[in-house]
Amino acid sequence: MKKYLKELELASALLLIIGVVMSMIKSYAIGAWPCGVGLLMFVAVFLYKAFHWREYERENKQYIIILLVCIFLLIIQMVMAK
């Protein structure tokens, strides 16, 4: 799996982008499937790198920061929507 990590990351990012665009253009239900698959692939890569922390320490710290920022932005968006 180690040699396919970059390809999986790129594929998951591409699926996430496709899902977001499809949900904006068509409907939420159509865009949710590519987003869900992209997120599952991203989580698989993240878990693999988390279990091999020493080898991917720098990337893991970046992922943690990105995830915290995303969670913070989602909370702000939820509060603003009410």
PDB file of N, CA and C in Angstrom:
ATOM      1  N   MET A   1       0.823  -1.187   0.000  1.00  0.00           N
ATOM      2  CA  MET A   1       0.000   0.000   0.000  1.00  0.00           C
ATOM      3  C   MET A   1       0.866   1.249   0.000  1.00  0.00           C
ATOM      4  N   LYS A   2       2.063   1.123   0.502  1.00  0.00           N
ATOM      5  CA  LYS A   2       2.934   2.281   0.644  1.00  0.00           C
ATOM      6  C   LYS A   2       3.187   2.985  -0.683  1.00  0.00           C
ATOM      7  N   LYS A   3       3.343   2.220  -1.751  1.00  0.00           N
ATOM      8  CA  LYS A   3       3.668   2.853  -3.024  1.00  0.00           C
ATOM      9  C   LYS A   3       2.438   3.463  -3.693  1.00  0.00           C
ATOM     10  N   TYR A   4       1.239   3.219  -3.177  1.00  0.00           N
ATOM     11  CA  TYR A   4       0.023   3.767  -3.760  1.00  0.00           C
ATOM     12  C   TYR A   4      -0.585   4.904  -2.943  1.00  0.00           C
ATOM     13  N   LEU A   5       0.102   5.365  -1.911  1.00  0.00           N
ATOM     14  CA  LEU A   5      -0.469   6.391  -1.044  1.00  0.00           C
ATOM     15  C   LEU A   5      -0.731   7.702  -1.781  1.00  0.00           C
ATOM     16  N   LYS A   6       0.200   8.151  -2.589  1.00  0.00           N
ATOM     17  CA  LYS A   6       0.007   9.410  -3.318  1.00  0.00           C
ATOM     18  C   LYS A   6      -1.173   9.309  -4.280  1.00  0.00           C
ATOM     19  N   GLU A   7      -1.281   8.168  -4.973  1.00  0.00           N
ATOM     20  CA  GLU A   7      -2.388   7.984  -5.903  1.00  0.00           C
ATOM     21  C   GLU A   7      -3.728   7.971  -5.172  1.00  0.00           C
ATOM     22  N   LEU A   8      -3.763   7.328  -4.006  1.00  0.00           N
ATOM     23  CA  LEU A   8      -4.992   7.306  -3.221  1.00  0.00           C
ATOM     24  C   LEU A   8      -5.350   8.701  -2.709  1.00  0.00           C
ATOM     25  N   GLU A   9      -4.346   9.462  -2.289  1.00  0.00           N
ATOM     26  CA  GLU A   9      -4.599  10.830  -1.842  1.00  0.00           C
ATOM     27  C   GLU A   9      -5.161  11.685  -2.971  1.00  0.00           C
ATOM     28  N   LEU A  10      -4.553  11.591  -4.145  1.00  0.00           N
ATOM     29  CA  LEU A  10      -5.024  12.368  -5.285  1.00  0.00           C
ATOM     30  C   LEU A  10      -6.427  11.940  -5.717  1.00  0.00           C
ATOM     31  N   ALA A  11      -6.673  10.641  -5.725  1.00  0.00           N
ATOM     32  CA  ALA A  11      -7.996  10.149  -6.111  1.00  0.00           C
ATOM     33  C   ALA A  11      -9.060  10.595  -5.111  1.00  0.00           C
ATOM     34  N   SER A  12      -8.733  10.557  -3.828  1.00  0.00           N
ATOM     35  CA  SER A  12      -9.715  10.989  -2.825  1.00  0.00           C
ATOM     36  C   SER A  12      -9.978  12.483  -2.933  1.00  0.00           C
ATOM     37  N   ALA A  13      -8.950  13.274  -3.167  1.00  0.00           N
ATOM     38  CA  ALA A  13      -9.152  14.719  -3.334  1.00  0.00           C
ATOM     39  C   ALA A  13      -9.988  15.002  -4.578  1.00  0.00           C
ATOM     40  N   LEU A  14      -9.725  14.282  -5.646  1.00  0.00           N
ATOM     41  CA  LEU A  14     -10.489  14.465  -6.876  1.00  0.00           C
ATOM     42  C   LEU A  14     -11.953  14.086  -6.673  1.00  0.00           C
ATOM     43  N   LEU A  15     -12.204  12.989  -5.988  1.00  0.00           N
ATOM     44  CA  LEU A  15     -13.583  12.587  -5.713  1.00  0.00           C
ATOM     45  C   LEU A  15     -14.293  13.598  -4.822  1.00  0.00           C
ATOM     46  N   LEU A  16     -13.585  14.154  -3.853  1.00  0.00           N
ATOM     47  CA  LEU A  16     -14.190  15.176  -3.000  1.00  0.00           C
ATOM     48  C   LEU A  16     -14.571  16.405  -3.812  1.00  0.00           C
ATOM     49  N   ILE A  17     -13.688  16.839  -4.683  1.00  0.00           N
ATOM     50  CA  ILE A  17     -13.975  18.009  -5.518  1.00  0.00           C
ATOM     51  C   ILE A  17     -15.139  17.725  -6.456  1.00  0.00           C
ATOM     52  N   ILE A  18     -15.143  16.559  -7.087  1.00  0.00           N
ATOM     53  CA  ILE A  18     -16.242  16.176  -7.980  1.00  0.00           C
ATOM     54  C   ILE A  18     -17.564  16.146  -7.213  1.00  0.00           C
ATOM     55  N   GLY A  19     -17.544  15.599  -6.025  1.00  0.00           N
ATOM     56  CA  GLY A  19     -18.763  15.532  -5.214  1.00  0.00           C
ATOM     57  C   GLY A  19     -19.286  16.895  -4.827  1.00  0.00           C
ATOM     58  N   VAL A  20     -18.399  17.796  -4.451  1.00  0.00           N
ATOM     59  CA  VAL A  20     -18.829  19.148  -4.085  1.00  0.00           C
ATOM     60  C   VAL A  20     -19.411  19.871  -5.293  1.00  0.00           C
ATOM     61  N   VAL A  21     -18.745  19.769  -6.429  1.00  0.00           N
ATOM     62  CA  VAL A  21     -19.235  20.430  -7.643  1.00  0.00           C
ATOM     63  C   VAL A  21     -20.578  19.833  -8.066  1.00  0.00           C
ATOM     64  N   MET A  22     -20.698  18.516  -8.021  1.00  0.00           N
ATOM     65  CA  MET A  22     -21.963  17.883  -8.400  1.00  0.00           C
ATOM     66  C   MET A  22     -23.091  18.279  -7.459  1.00  0.00           C
ATOM     67  N   SER A  23     -22.805  18.407  -6.180  1.00  0.00           N
ATOM     68  CA  SER A  23     -23.854  18.800  -5.242  1.00  0.00           C
ATOM     69  C   SER A  23     -24.253  20.261  -5.444  1.00  0.00           C
ATOM     70  N   MET A  24     -23.332  21.086  -5.923  1.00  0.00           N
ATOM     71  CA  MET A  24     -23.674  22.481  -6.187  1.00  0.00           C
ATOM     72  C   MET A  24     -24.458  22.613  -7.494  1.00  0.00           C
ATOM     73  N   ILE A  25     -24.134  21.809  -8.490  1.00  0.00           N
ATOM     74  CA  ILE A  25     -24.770  21.917  -9.802  1.00  0.00           C
ATOM     75  C   ILE A  25     -26.084  21.127  -9.848  1.00  0.00           C
ATOM     76  N   LYS A  26     -26.032  19.860  -9.494  1.00  0.00           N
ATOM     77  CA  LYS A  26     -27.223  18.994  -9.599  1.00  0.00           C
ATOM     78  C   LYS A  26     -28.006  19.002  -8.296  1.00  0.00           C
ATOM     79  N   SER A  27     -27.657  18.096  -7.405  1.00  0.00           N
ATOM     80  CA  SER A  27     -28.351  18.013  -6.121  1.00  0.00           C
ATOM     81  C   SER A  27     -27.401  17.436  -5.077  1.00  0.00           C
ATOM     82  N   TYR A  28     -27.796  17.602  -3.855  1.00  0.00           N
ATOM     83  CA  TYR A  28     -26.971  17.117  -2.751  1.00  0.00           C
ATOM     84  C   TYR A  28     -26.837  15.600  -2.785  1.00  0.00           C
ATOM     85  N   ALA A  29     -27.920  14.907  -3.110  1.00  0.00           N
ATOM     86  CA  ALA A  29     -27.906  13.433  -3.092  1.00  0.00           C
ATOM     87  C   ALA A  29     -26.919  12.874  -4.109  1.00  0.00           C
ATOM     88  N   ILE A  30     -26.825  13.496  -5.266  1.00  0.00           N
ATOM     89  CA  ILE A  30     -25.908  13.006  -6.295  1.00  0.00           C
ATOM     90  C   ILE A  30     -24.458  13.255  -5.886  1.00  0.00           C
ATOM     91  N   GLY A  31     -24.175  14.392  -5.286  1.00  0.00           N
ATOM     92  CA  GLY A  31     -22.810  14.734  -4.899  1.00  0.00           C
ATOM     93  C   GLY A  31     -22.329  14.050  -3.634  1.00  0.00           C
ATOM     94  N   ALA A  32     -23.262  13.511  -2.855  1.00  0.00           N
ATOM     95  CA  ALA A  32     -22.874  12.893  -1.580  1.00  0.00           C
ATOM     96  C   ALA A  32     -22.090  11.604  -1.790  1.00  0.00           C
ATOM     97  N   TRP A  33     -22.400  10.840  -2.821  1.00  0.00           N
ATOM     98  CA  TRP A  33     -21.716   9.568  -3.052  1.00  0.00           C
ATOM     99  C   TRP A  33     -20.238   9.737  -3.370  1.00  0.00           C
ATOM    100  N   PRO A  34     -19.859  10.596  -4.324  1.00  0.00           N
ATOM    101  CA  PRO A  34     -18.416  10.776  -4.556  1.00  0.00           C
ATOM    102  C   PRO A  34     -17.698  11.350  -3.335  1.00  0.00           C
ATOM    103  N   CYS A  35     -18.377  12.245  -2.617  1.00  0.00           N
ATOM    104  CA  CYS A  35     -17.767  12.798  -1.399  1.00  0.00           C
ATOM    105  C   CYS A  35     -17.549  11.707  -0.351  1.00  0.00           C
ATOM    106  N   GLY A  36     -18.523  10.855  -0.186  1.00  0.00           N
ATOM    107  CA  GLY A  36     -18.407   9.774   0.788  1.00  0.00           C
ATOM    108  C   GLY A  36     -17.282   8.811   0.453  1.00  0.00           C
ATOM    109  N   VAL A  37     -17.184   8.436  -0.819  1.00  0.00           N
ATOM    110  CA  VAL A  37     -16.108   7.533  -1.240  1.00  0.00           C
ATOM    111  C   VAL A  37     -14.752   8.220  -1.082  1.00  0.00           C
ATOM    112  N   GLY A  38     -14.673   9.492  -1.445  1.00  0.00           N
ATOM    113  CA  GLY A  38     -13.421  10.241  -1.291  1.00  0.00           C
ATOM    114  C   GLY A  38     -13.000  10.352   0.170  1.00  0.00           C
ATOM    115  N   LEU A  39     -13.968  10.585   1.043  1.00  0.00           N
ATOM    116  CA  LEU A  39     -13.655  10.661   2.470  1.00  0.00           C
ATOM    117  C   LEU A  39     -13.192   9.321   3.019  1.00  0.00           C
ATOM    118  N   LEU A  40     -13.825   8.244   2.585  1.00  0.00           N
ATOM    119  CA  LEU A  40     -13.394   6.919   3.044  1.00  0.00           C
ATOM    120  C   LEU A  40     -11.970   6.606   2.589  1.00  0.00           C
ATOM    121  N   MET A  41     -11.643   6.976   1.352  1.00  0.00           N
ATOM    122  CA  MET A  41     -10.278   6.763   0.866  1.00  0.00           C
ATOM    123  C   MET A  41      -9.290   7.626   1.643  1.00  0.00           C
ATOM    124  N   PHE A  42      -9.666   8.874   1.933  1.00  0.00           N
ATOM    125  CA  PHE A  42      -8.803   9.765   2.697  1.00  0.00           C
ATOM    126  C   PHE A  42      -8.578   9.225   4.099  1.00  0.00           C
ATOM    127  N   VAL A  43      -9.624   8.702   4.716  1.00  0.00           N
ATOM    128  CA  VAL A  43      -9.491   8.139   6.065  1.00  0.00           C
ATOM    129  C   VAL A  43      -8.585   6.911   6.050  1.00  0.00           C
ATOM    130  N   ALA A  44      -8.685   6.093   5.008  1.00  0.00           N
ATOM    131  CA  ALA A  44      -7.824   4.908   4.909  1.00  0.00           C
ATOM    132  C   ALA A  44      -6.353   5.319   4.832  1.00  0.00           C
ATOM    133  N   VAL A  45      -6.054   6.324   4.016  1.00  0.00           N
ATOM    134  CA  VAL A  45      -4.673   6.814   3.912  1.00  0.00           C
ATOM    135  C   VAL A  45      -4.220   7.416   5.239  1.00  0.00           C
ATOM    136  N   PHE A  46      -5.112   8.193   5.859  1.00  0.00           N
ATOM    137  CA  PHE A  46      -4.786   8.824   7.137  1.00  0.00           C
ATOM    138  C   PHE A  46      -4.494   7.779   8.204  1.00  0.00           C
ATOM    139  N   LEU A  47      -5.304   6.739   8.275  1.00  0.00           N
ATOM    140  CA  LEU A  47      -5.079   5.689   9.278  1.00  0.00           C
ATOM    141  C   LEU A  47      -3.785   4.933   9.016  1.00  0.00           C
ATOM    142  N   TYR A  48      -3.491   4.652   7.756  1.00  0.00           N
ATOM    143  CA  TYR A  48      -2.231   3.973   7.445  1.00  0.00           C
ATOM    144  C   TYR A  48      -1.048   4.811   7.911  1.00  0.00           C
ATOM    145  N   LYS A  49      -1.100   6.101   7.627  1.00  0.00           N
ATOM    146  CA  LYS A  49       0.007   6.969   8.031  1.00  0.00           C
ATOM    147  C   LYS A  49       0.049   7.159   9.547  1.00  0.00           C
ATOM    148  N   ALA A  50      -1.101   7.111  10.197  1.00  0.00           N
ATOM    149  CA  ALA A  50      -1.130   7.249  11.654  1.00  0.00           C
ATOM    150  C   ALA A  50      -0.482   6.041  12.331  1.00  0.00           C
ATOM    151  N   PHE A  51      -0.688   4.854  11.768  1.00  0.00           N
ATOM    152  CA  PHE A  51      -0.073   3.661  12.340  1.00  0.00           C
ATOM    153  C   PHE A  51       1.423   3.579  12.036  1.00  0.00           C
ATOM    154  N   HIS A  52       1.884   4.337  11.072  1.00  0.00           N
ATOM    155  CA  HIS A  52       3.311   4.434  10.747  1.00  0.00           C
ATOM    156  C   HIS A  52       3.778   5.857  11.021  1.00  0.00           C
ATOM    157  N   TRP A  53       3.602   6.280  12.279  1.00  0.00           N
ATOM    158  CA  TRP A  53       3.790   7.678  12.669  1.00  0.00           C
ATOM    159  C   TRP A  53       5.212   8.171  12.403  1.00  0.00           C
ATOM    160  N   ARG A  54       6.203   7.432  12.757  1.00  0.00           N
ATOM    161  CA  ARG A  54       7.587   7.907  12.624  1.00  0.00           C
ATOM    162  C   ARG A  54       7.959   8.198  11.180  1.00  0.00           C
ATOM    163  N   GLU A  55       7.452   7.407  10.270  1.00  0.00           N
ATOM    164  CA  GLU A  55       7.779   7.589   8.862  1.00  0.00           C
ATOM    165  C   GLU A  55       7.049   8.784   8.251  1.00  0.00           C
ATOM    166  N   TYR A  56       5.833   9.056   8.735  1.00  0.00           N
ATOM    167  CA  TYR A  56       5.003  10.121   8.157  1.00  0.00           C
ATOM    168  C   TYR A  56       4.671  11.203   9.183  1.00  0.00           C
ATOM    169  N   GLU A  57       5.567  11.483  10.097  1.00  0.00           N
ATOM    170  CA  GLU A  57       5.277  12.396  11.201  1.00  0.00           C
ATOM    171  C   GLU A  57       4.908  13.796  10.716  1.00  0.00           C
ATOM    172  N   ARG A  58       5.677  14.333   9.777  1.00  0.00           N
ATOM    173  CA  ARG A  58       5.429  15.686   9.290  1.00  0.00           C
ATOM    174  C   ARG A  58       4.066  15.788   8.599  1.00  0.00           C
ATOM    175  N   GLU A  59       3.746  14.817   7.759  1.00  0.00           N
ATOM    176  CA  GLU A  59       2.462  14.819   7.062  1.00  0.00           C
ATOM    177  C   GLU A  59       1.303  14.637   8.040  1.00  0.00           C
ATOM    178  N   ASN A  60       1.483  13.809   9.055  1.00  0.00           N
ATOM    179  CA  ASN A  60       0.431  13.602  10.045  1.00  0.00           C
ATOM    180  C   ASN A  60       0.124  14.883  10.802  1.00  0.00           C
ATOM    181  N   LYS A  61       1.145  15.638  11.152  1.00  0.00           N
ATOM    182  CA  LYS A  61       0.918  16.911  11.844  1.00  0.00           C
ATOM    183  C   LYS A  61       0.160  17.885  10.945  1.00  0.00           C
ATOM    184  N   GLN A  62       0.475  17.893   9.655  1.00  0.00           N
ATOM    185  CA  GLN A  62      -0.258  18.744   8.723  1.00  0.00           C
ATOM    186  C   GLN A  62      -1.718  18.309   8.626  1.00  0.00           C
ATOM    187  N   TYR A  63      -1.965  16.999   8.562  1.00  0.00           N
ATOM    188  CA  TYR A  63      -3.330  16.492   8.501  1.00  0.00           C
ATOM    189  C   TYR A  63      -4.120  16.889   9.743  1.00  0.00           C
ATOM    190  N   ILE A  64      -3.501  16.792  10.891  1.00  0.00           N
ATOM    191  CA  ILE A  64      -4.184  17.145  12.129  1.00  0.00           C
ATOM    192  C   ILE A  64      -4.554  18.623  12.129  1.00  0.00           C
ATOM    193  N   ILE A  65      -3.660  19.476  11.696  1.00  0.00           N
ATOM    194  CA  ILE A  65      -3.944  20.905  11.638  1.00  0.00           C
ATOM    195  C   ILE A  65      -5.067  21.182  10.640  1.00  0.00           C
ATOM    196  N   ILE A  66      -5.012  20.553   9.478  1.00  0.00           N
ATOM    197  CA  ILE A  66      -6.052  20.747   8.466  1.00  0.00           C
ATOM    198  C   ILE A  66      -7.403  20.280   8.998  1.00  0.00           C
ATOM    199  N   LEU A  67      -7.448  19.124   9.645  1.00  0.00           N
ATOM    200  CA  LEU A  67      -8.702  18.618  10.185  1.00  0.00           C
ATOM    201  C   LEU A  67      -9.253  19.528  11.281  1.00  0.00           C
ATOM    202  N   LEU A  68      -8.395  20.059  12.139  1.00  0.00           N
ATOM    203  CA  LEU A  68      -8.848  20.979  13.180  1.00  0.00           C
ATOM    204  C   LEU A  68      -9.411  22.258  12.583  1.00  0.00           C
ATOM    205  N   VAL A  69      -8.765  22.784  11.563  1.00  0.00           N
ATOM    206  CA  VAL A  69      -9.265  23.994  10.897  1.00  0.00           C
ATOM    207  C   VAL A  69     -10.613  23.718  10.248  1.00  0.00           C
ATOM    208  N   CYS A  70     -10.752  22.568   9.585  1.00  0.00           N
ATOM    209  CA  CYS A  70     -12.022  22.210   8.951  1.00  0.00           C
ATOM    210  C   CYS A  70     -13.136  22.067   9.978  1.00  0.00           C
ATOM    211  N   ILE A  71     -12.853  21.429  11.087  1.00  0.00           N
ATOM    212  CA  ILE A  71     -13.852  21.281  12.149  1.00  0.00           C
ATOM    213  C   ILE A  71     -14.250  22.646  12.687  1.00  0.00           C
ATOM    214  N   PHE A  72     -13.280  23.519  12.890  1.00  0.00           N
ATOM    215  CA  PHE A  72     -13.549  24.864  13.380  1.00  0.00           C
ATOM    216  C   PHE A  72     -14.431  25.630  12.387  1.00  0.00           C
ATOM    217  N   LEU A  73     -14.118  25.537  11.098  1.00  0.00           N
ATOM    218  CA  LEU A  73     -14.910  26.220  10.081  1.00  0.00           C
ATOM    219  C   LEU A  73     -16.331  25.670  10.001  1.00  0.00           C
ATOM    220  N   LEU A  74     -16.479  24.345  10.139  1.00  0.00           N
ATOM    221  CA  LEU A  74     -17.811  23.753  10.135  1.00  0.00           C
ATOM    222  C   LEU A  74     -18.636  24.212  11.327  1.00  0.00           C
ATOM    223  N   ILE A  75     -18.017  24.323  12.483  1.00  0.00           N
ATOM    224  CA  ILE A  75     -18.731  24.804  13.671  1.00  0.00           C
ATOM    225  C   ILE A  75     -19.176  26.240  13.465  1.00  0.00           C
ATOM    226  N   ILE A  76     -18.296  27.073  12.928  1.00  0.00           N
ATOM    227  CA  ILE A  76     -18.652  28.468  12.656  1.00  0.00           C
ATOM    228  C   ILE A  76     -19.806  28.530  11.652  1.00  0.00           C
ATOM    229  N   GLN A  77     -19.749  27.712  10.618  1.00  0.00           N
ATOM    230  CA  GLN A  77     -20.803  27.693   9.605  1.00  0.00           C
ATOM    231  C   GLN A  77     -22.134  27.246  10.215  1.00  0.00           C
ATOM    232  N   MET A  78     -22.107  26.272  11.100  1.00  0.00           N
ATOM    233  CA  MET A  78     -23.335  25.806  11.734  1.00  0.00           C
ATOM    234  C   MET A  78     -23.931  26.882  12.624  1.00  0.00           C
ATOM    235  N   VAL A  79     -23.075  27.611  13.325  1.00  0.00           N
ATOM    236  CA  VAL A  79     -23.570  28.665  14.216  1.00  0.00           C
ATOM    237  C   VAL A  79     -24.158  29.824  13.401  1.00  0.00           C
ATOM    238  N   MET A  80     -23.499  30.159  12.292  1.00  0.00           N
ATOM    239  CA  MET A  80     -23.959  31.263  11.456  1.00  0.00           C
ATOM    240  C   MET A  80     -25.262  30.914  10.733  1.00  0.00           C
ATOM    241  N   ALA A  81     -25.498  29.644  10.452  1.00  0.00           N
ATOM    242  CA  ALA A  81     -26.680  29.221   9.713  1.00  0.00           C
ATOM    243  C   ALA A  81     -27.946  29.336  10.564  1.00  0.00           C
ATOM    244  N   LYS A  82     -27.814  29.294  11.862  1.00  0.00           N
ATOM    245  CA  LYS A  82     -29.001  29.357  12.739  1.00  0.00           C
ATOM    246  C   LYS A  82     -29.486  30.733  12.825  1.00  0.00           C
TER     247      LYS A  82
END
